[in-house]
């Protein structure tokens, strides 16, 4: 029967049972008395014939297609956030769902068409995802739908958001320095961390700064300075080198990204300063470079996999969705770049 789709009637004939019996067995229903022998015959016939359920027919009966649409800006084309997709796919697979992935490439004009395409395919829900955490205005097509916002927030929009817990990550970073005795000469490097928490600011930097300052205040300390720069190695090198040339003598650096830390390492080495003995360094992201630096970089990982998984689990939870913000813990990768002064 390879020339056409195997039907439930084919399974019933091969098993020698009625179509009703085959239907009950293959749908997993237990509210009809069926002998164990008939049950096994139906399952064996389905296996031999290669029977697959008709998804369209099932969706009409259950009002669910067991599919989720995921619309993002540029997640799939970046090496750092692909774990978001893997987390979502794993959670969906574990619950016998499929995920349709659509990406705008940053083209805001493409968003509406992609969402309409997913809705035309009868997806049960939509995950609207962003590459980096920021405030958004959700497309009108999502209003009234079952939606989860992933790595973005929309105040006033009745849907949950799943974001990294950047505030607590800032606390953890500062606490590690304080516990190592690094309470003086602490500089924050990169990420526009001094800007107010507005849609125009960089959300992650603002959140981390809240946590950092909270812990340092409790320790009777504070930041000696904040260096504003882009989130890459070249800027990290240039700006750390600049403050060293101007006479600053930091005892600890809190860098916004591992790439900034890489540049900072080079600037410190050229100035004859060792990590962590002279200057302790802690960062955020946990990109591959962090474990390859020498000494290996202590950093807080972006929880991409858990964010994707959580978004799907919220979708499939069955409960009404509200505007709760779900903050996902950023795991600490405790390596070798922090020590007591002179350590």
Protein backbone atom coordinates (compact mmCIF):
# COMPACT_ATOMS: atom_id res chain seq x y z
CA UNK A 1 0.00 0.00 0.00
CA UNK A 2 2.94 2.31 -0.61
CA UNK A 3 1.13 4.22 -3.40
CA UNK A 4 -1.35 5.88 -1.06
CA UNK A 5 -1.80 6.84 2.56
CA UNK A 6 -2.62 3.99 4.90
CA UNK A 7 -6.02 4.62 6.46
CA UNK A 8 -7.60 3.48 9.68
CA UNK A 9 -9.93 1.29 7.60
CA UNK A 10 -6.85 -0.49 6.19
CA UNK A 11 -5.63 -1.16 9.72
CA UNK A 12 -9.05 -2.46 10.78
CA UNK A 13 -9.20 -4.90 7.81
CA UNK A 14 -5.66 -6.15 8.45
CA UNK A 15 -6.40 -6.68 12.13
CA UNK A 16 -9.77 -8.31 11.49
CA UNK A 17 -11.67 -5.85 13.68
CA UNK A 18 -14.30 -3.19 13.12
CA UNK A 19 -13.30 0.37 12.13
CA UNK A 20 -14.75 1.55 15.46
CA UNK A 21 -12.47 -0.79 17.41
CA UNK A 22 -9.45 0.31 15.39
CA UNK A 23 -10.36 3.95 15.97
CA UNK A 24 -10.61 3.50 19.74
CA UNK A 25 -7.29 1.67 19.95
CA UNK A 26 -5.36 4.08 17.73
CA UNK A 27 -6.72 7.15 19.52
CA UNK A 28 -5.77 5.70 22.89
CA UNK A 29 -9.30 5.77 24.27
CA UNK A 30 -10.11 3.42 27.13
CA UNK A 31 -13.85 4.03 27.53
CA UNK A 32 -14.80 1.01 25.39
CA UNK A 33 -14.31 -2.64 26.36
CA UNK A 34 -11.79 -4.08 23.86
CA UNK A 35 -10.13 -7.44 24.33
CA UNK A 36 -6.39 -7.52 24.86
CA UNK A 37 -6.07 -9.72 21.76
CA UNK A 38 -7.87 -7.18 19.54
CA UNK A 39 -5.83 -4.37 21.03
CA UNK A 40 -2.53 -6.05 20.11
CA UNK A 41 -3.80 -6.99 16.63
CA UNK A 42 -4.65 -3.37 15.84
CA UNK A 43 -1.29 -2.05 17.08
CA UNK A 44 0.63 -4.73 15.16
CA UNK A 45 -1.33 -4.05 11.95
CA UNK A 46 -0.65 -0.33 12.31
CA UNK A 47 3.06 -1.01 12.76
CA UNK A 48 3.32 -3.36 9.78
CA UNK A 49 1.34 -1.09 7.46
CA UNK A 50 3.15 2.05 8.59
CA UNK A 51 -0.04 3.78 9.67
CA UNK A 52 0.21 7.45 10.60
CA UNK A 53 -2.74 9.38 12.05
CA UNK A 54 -4.41 12.02 9.91
CA UNK A 55 -3.34 15.22 11.63
CA UNK A 56 -5.93 17.36 9.87
CA UNK A 57 -8.77 15.07 10.93
CA UNK A 58 -7.47 14.96 14.49
CA UNK A 59 -7.18 18.74 14.65
CA UNK A 60 -10.82 19.11 13.64
CA UNK A 61 -11.79 16.77 16.47
CA UNK A 62 -9.49 18.19 19.17
CA UNK A 63 -9.34 21.81 17.94
CA UNK A 64 -5.57 21.60 18.22
CA UNK A 65 -2.94 21.14 15.52
CA UNK A 66 -0.19 20.48 18.10
CA UNK A 67 1.94 23.12 16.41
CA UNK A 68 3.57 26.30 17.72
CA UNK A 69 4.83 29.22 15.67
CA UNK A 70 8.10 30.90 16.69
CA UNK A 71 8.82 34.27 15.12
CA UNK A 72 12.20 35.88 15.79
CA UNK A 73 14.31 38.72 14.48
CA UNK A 74 17.71 37.08 14.02
CA UNK A 75 18.09 34.22 16.50
CA UNK A 76 18.63 31.42 13.99
CA UNK A 77 21.42 33.24 12.17
CA UNK A 78 23.55 33.93 15.25
CA UNK A 79 25.93 31.47 16.91
CA UNK A 80 25.09 32.62 20.43
CA UNK A 81 21.32 32.28 20.78
CA UNK A 82 20.69 29.10 18.80
CA UNK A 83 20.22 27.26 22.09
CA UNK A 84 16.91 29.11 22.41
CA UNK A 85 15.67 27.16 19.40
CA UNK A 86 17.01 23.87 20.74
CA UNK A 87 15.31 24.38 24.10
CA UNK A 88 12.00 25.16 22.39
CA UNK A 89 12.27 22.17 20.05
CA UNK A 90 13.15 19.76 22.86
CA UNK A 91 10.21 20.88 24.99
CA UNK A 92 7.85 20.67 22.02
CA UNK A 93 9.09 17.22 21.00
CA UNK A 94 8.67 15.93 24.55
CA UNK A 95 5.02 16.99 24.34
CA UNK A 96 4.45 15.67 20.79
CA UNK A 97 4.29 19.14 19.26
CA UNK A 98 6.02 20.72 16.28
CA UNK A 99 7.55 24.20 16.09
CA UNK A 100 7.35 26.24 12.89
CA UNK A 101 10.23 28.75 12.88
CA UNK A 102 10.05 32.04 10.96
CA UNK A 103 12.66 34.78 11.03
CA UNK A 104 12.35 38.39 9.95
CA UNK A 105 16.07 39.15 9.63
CA UNK A 106 15.33 42.41 11.42
CA UNK A 107 12.88 43.57 8.74
CA UNK A 108 9.91 44.91 10.69
CA UNK A 109 7.81 44.92 7.50
CA UNK A 110 8.14 41.13 7.28
CA UNK A 111 6.66 40.49 10.72
CA UNK A 112 3.00 40.81 9.79
CA UNK A 113 3.28 38.50 6.77
CA UNK A 114 5.11 35.80 8.73
CA UNK A 115 2.60 35.86 11.56
CA UNK A 116 -0.28 35.64 9.09
CA UNK A 117 1.44 32.68 7.41
CA UNK A 118 1.70 30.86 10.73
CA UNK A 119 -1.90 31.63 11.67
CA UNK A 120 -3.03 30.40 8.24
CA UNK A 121 -1.41 27.09 9.15
CA UNK A 122 -3.55 26.95 12.28
CA UNK A 123 -0.75 27.07 14.85
CA UNK A 124 -2.10 26.77 18.37
CA UNK A 125 0.09 29.57 19.75
CA UNK A 126 2.92 31.94 18.87
CA UNK A 127 6.24 32.60 20.59
CA UNK A 128 7.52 36.06 19.66
CA UNK A 129 11.28 36.10 20.25
CA UNK A 130 14.12 38.64 20.14
CA UNK A 131 17.88 38.29 19.88
CA UNK A 132 18.55 40.59 22.83
CA UNK A 133 16.29 41.67 25.68
CA UNK A 134 14.40 44.90 25.00
CA UNK A 135 10.97 46.46 25.06
CA UNK A 136 8.72 45.94 22.04
CA UNK A 137 5.33 46.88 20.68
CA UNK A 138 3.71 43.53 19.76
CA UNK A 139 2.23 43.24 16.25
CA UNK A 140 -1.52 43.74 16.22
CA UNK A 141 -1.93 40.25 14.75
CA UNK A 142 -0.92 38.78 18.13
CA UNK A 143 -3.60 40.53 20.14
CA UNK A 144 -6.13 38.06 21.51
CA UNK A 145 -3.90 35.07 20.63
CA UNK A 146 -2.11 32.63 22.90
CA UNK A 147 1.33 34.27 22.95
CA UNK A 148 4.56 34.12 24.93
CA UNK A 149 7.20 36.84 24.54
CA UNK A 150 10.72 35.42 24.55
CA UNK A 151 13.63 37.70 25.47
CA UNK A 152 11.48 40.80 25.12
CA UNK A 153 8.89 42.71 27.14
CA UNK A 154 5.73 44.62 26.28
CA UNK A 155 4.23 46.53 29.22
CA UNK A 156 0.44 46.51 28.98
CA UNK A 157 0.33 43.49 26.66
CA UNK A 158 -1.45 40.55 28.26
CA UNK A 159 1.16 37.85 27.63
CA UNK A 160 4.02 36.42 29.72
CA UNK A 161 7.64 37.32 29.03
CA UNK A 162 10.60 34.98 29.47
CA UNK A 163 13.89 36.82 30.04
CA UNK A 164 17.28 36.21 31.71
CA UNK A 165 17.48 37.20 35.37
CA UNK A 166 20.02 39.93 34.75
CA UNK A 167 19.40 41.66 38.08
CA UNK A 168 20.37 38.60 40.09
CA UNK A 169 23.32 37.97 37.74
CA UNK A 170 24.60 41.43 38.65
CA UNK A 171 24.22 40.56 42.32
CA UNK A 172 26.16 37.32 41.87
CA UNK A 173 28.97 39.07 40.01
CA UNK A 174 29.39 41.77 42.66
CA UNK A 175 29.08 39.29 45.53
CA UNK A 176 31.90 37.15 44.14
CA UNK A 177 34.19 40.18 44.10
CA UNK A 178 33.21 41.24 47.61
CA UNK A 179 33.73 37.72 48.97
CA UNK A 180 37.20 37.70 47.37
CA UNK A 181 38.03 40.95 49.17
CA UNK A 182 37.73 43.10 46.05
CA UNK A 183 35.80 46.05 47.47
CA UNK A 184 37.90 48.88 46.04
CA UNK A 185 38.90 49.87 42.54
CA UNK A 186 35.91 48.18 40.85
CA UNK A 187 35.11 49.33 37.32
CA UNK A 188 32.15 48.37 35.11
CA UNK A 189 33.07 48.07 31.44
CA UNK A 190 30.68 48.27 28.46
CA UNK A 191 26.99 47.92 27.74
CA UNK A 192 25.74 51.47 28.44
CA UNK A 193 25.23 50.38 32.02
CA UNK A 194 24.82 53.92 33.31
CA UNK A 195 21.77 54.72 31.20
CA UNK A 196 18.33 54.76 32.84
CA UNK A 197 16.12 51.73 32.31
CA UNK A 198 14.16 53.03 29.34
CA UNK A 199 13.21 51.45 26.03
CA UNK A 200 16.08 53.44 24.52
CA UNK A 201 18.62 52.05 26.97
CA UNK A 202 20.26 48.65 26.92
CA UNK A 203 18.02 46.51 29.10
CA UNK A 204 20.59 43.88 30.15
CA UNK A 205 23.15 46.48 31.24
CA UNK A 206 20.57 48.42 33.22
CA UNK A 207 19.34 45.29 34.99
CA UNK A 208 22.84 44.07 35.84
CA UNK A 209 23.80 47.48 37.18
CA UNK A 210 20.87 47.39 39.59
CA UNK A 211 22.11 44.11 41.05
CA UNK A 212 25.76 45.21 41.13
CA UNK A 213 25.05 48.47 42.92
CA UNK A 214 22.72 46.81 45.40
CA UNK A 215 25.40 44.37 46.59
CA UNK A 216 28.21 46.94 46.61
CA UNK A 217 26.10 49.34 48.70
CA UNK A 218 25.43 46.58 51.22
CA UNK A 219 29.21 46.00 51.43
CA UNK A 220 29.85 49.70 51.99
CA UNK A 221 31.52 49.94 48.59
CA UNK A 222 30.74 51.17 45.11
CA UNK A 223 32.04 51.49 41.58
CA UNK A 224 35.10 53.62 40.93
CA UNK A 225 34.00 54.16 37.35
CA UNK A 226 31.82 53.06 34.44
CA UNK A 227 33.36 52.74 30.98
CA UNK A 228 30.84 53.05 28.16
CA UNK A 229 31.76 51.10 25.01
CA UNK A 230 30.38 48.67 22.45
CA UNK A 231 30.23 44.99 23.31
CA UNK A 232 33.31 43.74 21.42
CA UNK A 233 36.97 42.92 22.02
CA UNK A 234 38.41 45.95 20.26
CA UNK A 235 36.44 48.42 22.36
CA UNK A 236 37.20 46.52 25.56
CA UNK A 237 40.91 46.69 24.78
CA UNK A 238 40.85 50.35 23.77
CA UNK A 239 38.85 51.63 26.72
CA UNK A 240 40.67 49.64 29.41
CA UNK A 241 43.99 50.68 27.88
CA UNK A 242 42.81 54.29 27.94
CA UNK A 243 41.98 54.39 31.64
CA UNK A 244 45.27 52.64 32.46
CA UNK A 245 47.16 55.24 30.43
CA UNK A 246 45.27 57.97 32.30
CA UNK A 247 46.54 56.60 35.61
CA UNK A 248 43.61 54.52 36.84
CA UNK A 249 44.55 51.36 38.73
CA UNK A 250 41.51 49.07 38.79
CA UNK A 251 41.43 46.12 41.15
CA UNK A 252 38.43 44.47 39.50
CA UNK A 253 36.57 44.72 36.19
CA UNK A 254 32.94 43.75 35.65
CA UNK A 255 32.64 43.37 31.87
CA UNK A 256 29.33 43.29 29.99
CA UNK A 257 30.45 40.54 27.60
CA UNK A 258 33.15 37.90 27.36
CA UNK A 259 34.47 39.64 24.24
CA UNK A 260 35.00 42.86 26.18
CA UNK A 261 36.85 40.76 28.77
CA UNK A 262 39.11 39.38 26.04
CA UNK A 263 40.11 42.91 25.06
CA UNK A 264 40.53 43.87 28.71
CA UNK A 265 42.88 40.91 29.26
CA UNK A 266 45.13 42.19 26.46
CA UNK A 267 45.18 45.74 27.80
CA UNK A 268 46.00 44.55 31.32
CA UNK A 269 48.79 42.26 30.07
CA UNK A 270 50.40 45.09 28.08
CA UNK A 271 50.37 47.21 31.25
CA UNK A 272 52.13 44.43 33.18
CA UNK A 273 49.05 43.60 35.29
CA UNK A 274 48.09 40.00 35.96
CA UNK A 275 44.65 38.39 36.11
CA UNK A 276 43.51 37.67 38.78
CA UNK A 277 46.39 38.68 41.08
CA UNK A 278 46.43 42.38 40.21
CA UNK A 279 42.98 42.68 38.63
CA UNK A 280 40.07 40.27 39.00
CA UNK A 281 37.73 40.05 36.02
CA UNK A 282 34.14 38.77 35.82
CA UNK A 283 31.83 38.85 32.82
CA UNK A 284 28.49 37.80 31.34
CA UNK A 285 27.38 35.54 28.44
CA UNK A 286 29.63 32.42 28.65
CA UNK A 287 30.62 32.41 25.00
CA UNK A 288 33.21 29.85 23.86
CA UNK A 289 36.02 32.35 24.31
CA UNK A 290 35.46 32.46 28.09
CA UNK A 291 36.80 28.98 28.78
CA UNK A 292 39.72 29.45 26.35
CA UNK A 293 41.10 32.60 27.91
CA UNK A 294 44.05 32.12 30.27
CA UNK A 295 43.26 32.29 33.06
CA UNK A 296 39.80 30.95 32.18
CA UNK A 297 37.14 33.61 32.62
CA UNK A 298 34.54 33.53 35.38
CA UNK A 299 31.25 34.50 33.77
CA UNK A 300 27.48 34.20 34.09
CA UNK A 301 25.88 32.29 31.23
CA UNK A 302 22.88 33.49 29.29
CA UNK A 303 20.29 30.74 29.86
CA UNK A 304 19.23 30.46 26.23
CA UNK A 305 18.23 26.78 26.31
CA UNK A 306 16.13 27.15 29.46
CA UNK A 307 14.46 30.25 28.06
CA UNK A 308 13.34 28.43 24.91
CA UNK A 309 12.18 25.43 26.92
CA UNK A 310 10.28 27.60 29.40
CA UNK A 311 8.48 29.51 26.64
CA UNK A 312 7.11 26.27 25.16
CA UNK A 313 6.20 24.88 28.58
CA UNK A 314 4.17 28.01 29.29
CA UNK A 315 2.40 27.64 25.96
CA UNK A 316 1.55 24.01 26.67
CA UNK A 317 0.69 24.49 30.33
CA UNK A 318 -3.01 24.73 29.66
CA UNK A 319 -3.45 27.64 32.05
CA UNK A 320 -4.57 31.13 30.95
CA UNK A 321 -1.55 33.27 30.13
CA UNK A 322 -1.04 36.61 31.84
CA UNK A 323 1.58 39.34 31.83
CA UNK A 324 3.90 37.68 34.36
CA UNK A 325 7.63 38.17 33.73
CA UNK A 326 9.50 34.87 34.12
CA UNK A 327 13.16 35.52 34.97
CA UNK A 328 15.43 32.59 34.19
CA UNK A 329 18.52 32.09 36.36
CA UNK A 330 21.86 32.82 34.68
CA UNK A 331 24.22 29.98 35.74
CA UNK A 332 27.62 30.92 37.16
CA UNK A 333 30.67 29.51 35.39
CA UNK A 334 33.16 29.84 38.24
CA UNK A 335 36.63 29.64 36.71
CA UNK A 336 39.97 31.29 37.48
CA UNK A 337 39.73 35.05 36.92
CA UNK A 338 38.81 36.13 40.47
CA UNK A 339 41.03 35.97 43.54
CA UNK A 340 41.87 37.90 46.67
CA UNK A 341 44.18 40.88 46.08
CA UNK A 342 47.67 39.58 45.32
CA UNK A 343 46.31 36.04 44.96
